[in-house]
Each structure stands twice: as structure tokens, then as C-alpha cells.
């Protein structure tokens, strides 16, 4: 993965709370800290996100995006 954002935090997907259009994705970082992102349900599916899978929280301005290898 290559990305221009400097604030990338690697963790593990702890929980996915699906909604009608958006899903809440909770990523647990080392040390037990959690970061939450709300992304589209289709993005969760496209990225193949599942509980227990590694993922990156990418922080840019006021948005938190999720990235995978």
C-alpha cells in the first residue's frame, strides 16, 4: 500500500456495526485504543472488512478512512 497521508494507524477490526447505508467500523490499535470510522456499507464489502482482520485507519483532516493491503 502506498498513500500520501502521514497519519496511518495499523490495527485490527474489532467490530462492524452495519446500517442501511453506512457501517461503523471499530479498529483496535496496539495498547487497546479504539478508533471508529463511519464508511459506506459498500466500502466495507469492497475492502472485505471482517472482525479480526488487519486494517489501517487513515486520518486526514476531519475524516478517518480505512485501508487494506
N, C-alpha and C. Protein backbone atom coordinates (compact mmCIF):
# COMPACT_ATOMS: atom_id res chain seq x y z
N UNK A 1 0.85 -1.18 0.00
CA UNK A 1 0.00 0.00 0.00
C UNK A 1 0.89 1.23 0.00
N UNK A 2 0.59 2.17 -0.84
CA UNK A 2 1.25 3.47 -0.85
C UNK A 2 0.16 4.52 -0.73
N UNK A 3 0.39 5.48 0.17
CA UNK A 3 -0.60 6.53 0.38
C UNK A 3 0.13 7.79 0.84
N UNK A 4 -0.37 8.95 0.46
CA UNK A 4 0.30 10.21 0.80
C UNK A 4 0.03 10.65 2.23
N UNK A 5 -1.05 10.17 2.83
CA UNK A 5 -1.38 10.58 4.19
C UNK A 5 -0.31 10.09 5.17
N UNK A 6 0.06 10.94 6.10
CA UNK A 6 1.09 10.58 7.07
C UNK A 6 0.53 9.91 8.31
N UNK A 7 -0.73 10.12 8.59
CA UNK A 7 -1.33 9.59 9.80
C UNK A 7 -2.04 8.28 9.51
N UNK A 8 -1.29 7.19 9.47
CA UNK A 8 -1.86 5.86 9.25
C UNK A 8 -1.64 5.04 10.51
N UNK A 9 -2.70 4.44 11.01
CA UNK A 9 -2.65 3.70 12.25
C UNK A 9 -3.09 2.26 11.98
N UNK A 10 -2.16 1.31 12.14
CA UNK A 10 -2.46 -0.09 11.86
C UNK A 10 -3.09 -0.73 13.09
N UNK A 11 -4.15 -1.48 12.85
CA UNK A 11 -4.82 -2.17 13.93
C UNK A 11 -5.60 -3.36 13.42
N UNK A 12 -6.54 -3.81 14.22
CA UNK A 12 -7.37 -4.96 13.88
C UNK A 12 -8.83 -4.54 13.99
N UNK A 13 -9.64 -4.95 13.01
CA UNK A 13 -11.07 -4.64 13.05
C UNK A 13 -11.67 -5.38 14.25
N UNK A 14 -12.18 -4.61 15.20
CA UNK A 14 -12.77 -5.20 16.40
C UNK A 14 -14.26 -5.48 16.21
N UNK A 15 -14.94 -4.55 15.55
CA UNK A 15 -16.38 -4.70 15.39
C UNK A 15 -16.85 -3.90 14.18
N UNK A 16 -17.84 -4.42 13.49
CA UNK A 16 -18.50 -3.71 12.39
C UNK A 16 -19.98 -3.66 12.73
N UNK A 17 -20.52 -2.45 12.78
CA UNK A 17 -21.95 -2.27 13.06
C UNK A 17 -22.61 -1.81 11.76
N UNK A 18 -23.27 -2.74 11.05
CA UNK A 18 -23.86 -2.37 9.76
C UNK A 18 -25.14 -1.56 9.92
N UNK A 19 -25.32 -0.63 9.00
CA UNK A 19 -26.56 0.14 8.93
C UNK A 19 -27.16 -0.03 7.55
N UNK A 20 -28.21 0.70 7.26
CA UNK A 20 -28.87 0.59 5.97
C UNK A 20 -27.96 1.06 4.83
N UNK A 21 -27.21 2.14 5.05
CA UNK A 21 -26.34 2.71 4.02
C UNK A 21 -24.88 2.72 4.48
N UNK A 22 -24.64 3.12 5.73
CA UNK A 22 -23.29 3.22 6.29
C UNK A 22 -23.07 2.17 7.35
N UNK A 23 -21.79 1.88 7.60
CA UNK A 23 -21.41 0.96 8.67
C UNK A 23 -20.40 1.65 9.57
N UNK A 24 -20.46 1.36 10.85
CA UNK A 24 -19.49 1.85 11.82
C UNK A 24 -18.43 0.78 11.97
N UNK A 25 -17.17 1.15 11.74
CA UNK A 25 -16.06 0.21 11.83
C UNK A 25 -15.19 0.63 13.01
N UNK A 26 -15.00 -0.29 13.95
CA UNK A 26 -14.17 -0.02 15.12
C UNK A 26 -12.87 -0.79 14.94
N UNK A 27 -11.75 -0.05 14.95
CA UNK A 27 -10.43 -0.65 14.83
C UNK A 27 -9.73 -0.52 16.17
N UNK A 28 -9.20 -1.65 16.65
CA UNK A 28 -8.45 -1.63 17.90
C UNK A 28 -6.97 -1.51 17.56
N UNK A 29 -6.34 -0.47 18.10
CA UNK A 29 -4.92 -0.21 17.89
C UNK A 29 -4.11 -0.91 18.97
N UNK A 30 -2.80 -1.05 18.76
CA UNK A 30 -1.96 -1.63 19.82
C UNK A 30 -2.16 -0.86 21.13
N UNK A 31 -2.20 -1.57 22.23
CA UNK A 31 -2.43 -0.93 23.51
C UNK A 31 -3.90 -0.85 23.88
N UNK A 32 -4.79 -1.32 22.97
CA UNK A 32 -6.21 -1.36 23.28
C UNK A 32 -7.00 -0.11 22.94
N UNK A 33 -6.33 0.91 22.40
CA UNK A 33 -7.05 2.12 22.00
C UNK A 33 -7.91 1.80 20.78
N UNK A 34 -9.13 2.35 20.74
CA UNK A 34 -10.04 2.12 19.63
C UNK A 34 -10.25 3.40 18.84
N UNK A 35 -10.36 3.24 17.53
CA UNK A 35 -10.70 4.36 16.65
C UNK A 35 -11.89 3.91 15.82
N UNK A 36 -12.84 4.83 15.63
CA UNK A 36 -14.09 4.49 14.95
C UNK A 36 -14.22 5.31 13.67
N UNK A 37 -14.67 4.65 12.62
CA UNK A 37 -14.93 5.32 11.35
C UNK A 37 -16.30 4.90 10.84
N UNK A 38 -17.02 5.83 10.25
CA UNK A 38 -18.28 5.52 9.59
C UNK A 38 -18.01 5.60 8.08
N UNK A 39 -18.15 4.46 7.42
CA UNK A 39 -17.92 4.38 5.97
C UNK A 39 -19.15 3.72 5.34
N UNK A 40 -19.24 3.81 4.02
CA UNK A 40 -20.39 3.21 3.34
C UNK A 40 -20.36 1.69 3.49
N UNK A 41 -21.53 1.12 3.48
CA UNK A 41 -21.66 -0.33 3.55
C UNK A 41 -20.96 -0.98 2.36
N UNK A 42 -21.05 -0.35 1.20
CA UNK A 42 -20.38 -0.90 0.02
C UNK A 42 -18.86 -0.87 0.15
N UNK A 43 -18.31 0.12 0.87
CA UNK A 43 -16.86 0.16 1.11
C UNK A 43 -16.42 -0.98 2.01
N UNK A 44 -17.23 -1.28 3.02
CA UNK A 44 -16.92 -2.42 3.89
C UNK A 44 -16.85 -3.69 3.05
N UNK A 45 -17.81 -3.88 2.17
CA UNK A 45 -17.85 -5.06 1.32
C UNK A 45 -16.69 -5.08 0.33
N UNK A 46 -16.42 -3.93 -0.32
CA UNK A 46 -15.34 -3.84 -1.32
C UNK A 46 -13.99 -4.13 -0.71
N UNK A 47 -13.76 -3.64 0.53
CA UNK A 47 -12.49 -3.86 1.22
C UNK A 47 -12.41 -5.24 1.86
N UNK A 48 -13.52 -5.94 1.90
CA UNK A 48 -13.54 -7.26 2.52
C UNK A 48 -13.29 -7.20 4.02
N UNK A 49 -13.75 -6.12 4.66
CA UNK A 49 -13.51 -5.96 6.09
C UNK A 49 -14.29 -6.99 6.89
N UNK A 50 -13.62 -7.57 7.87
CA UNK A 50 -14.23 -8.54 8.77
C UNK A 50 -13.61 -8.36 10.13
N UNK A 51 -14.33 -8.72 11.17
CA UNK A 51 -13.78 -8.67 12.51
C UNK A 51 -12.57 -9.59 12.58
N UNK A 52 -11.49 -9.09 13.19
CA UNK A 52 -10.25 -9.84 13.32
C UNK A 52 -9.25 -9.59 12.20
N UNK A 53 -9.66 -8.91 11.14
CA UNK A 53 -8.77 -8.63 10.01
C UNK A 53 -7.96 -7.36 10.27
N UNK A 54 -6.69 -7.36 9.87
CA UNK A 54 -5.87 -6.15 10.00
C UNK A 54 -6.34 -5.08 9.02
N UNK A 55 -6.26 -3.84 9.46
CA UNK A 55 -6.64 -2.70 8.62
C UNK A 55 -5.93 -1.47 9.14
N UNK A 56 -5.89 -0.43 8.34
CA UNK A 56 -5.29 0.84 8.73
C UNK A 56 -6.37 1.91 8.83
N UNK A 57 -6.30 2.70 9.88
CA UNK A 57 -7.11 3.91 9.97
C UNK A 57 -6.25 5.02 9.40
N UNK A 58 -6.75 5.70 8.40
CA UNK A 58 -6.01 6.76 7.73
C UNK A 58 -6.69 8.07 8.08
N UNK A 59 -5.97 8.93 8.81
CA UNK A 59 -6.56 10.16 9.31
C UNK A 59 -6.09 11.33 8.44
N UNK A 60 -7.04 12.02 7.86
CA UNK A 60 -6.76 13.19 7.03
C UNK A 60 -7.81 14.24 7.36
N UNK A 61 -7.39 15.38 7.87
CA UNK A 61 -8.32 16.44 8.27
C UNK A 61 -9.34 15.88 9.25
N UNK A 62 -10.63 16.02 8.95
CA UNK A 62 -11.66 15.55 9.88
C UNK A 62 -12.20 14.17 9.50
N UNK A 63 -11.59 13.51 8.53
CA UNK A 63 -12.07 12.21 8.09
C UNK A 63 -11.16 11.09 8.57
N UNK A 64 -11.74 9.93 8.83
CA UNK A 64 -10.98 8.73 9.10
C UNK A 64 -11.38 7.72 8.05
N UNK A 65 -10.39 7.33 7.25
CA UNK A 65 -10.63 6.36 6.19
C UNK A 65 -10.01 5.03 6.58
N UNK A 66 -10.43 3.95 5.97
CA UNK A 66 -9.90 2.62 6.23
C UNK A 66 -9.17 2.15 4.99
N UNK A 67 -7.99 1.50 5.18
CA UNK A 67 -7.22 0.99 4.07
C UNK A 67 -6.76 -0.43 4.38
N UNK A 68 -6.56 -1.22 3.33
CA UNK A 68 -6.00 -2.58 3.47
C UNK A 68 -4.91 -2.75 2.44
N UNK A 69 -4.10 -3.81 2.59
CA UNK A 69 -3.06 -4.11 1.61
C UNK A 69 -3.69 -4.46 0.30
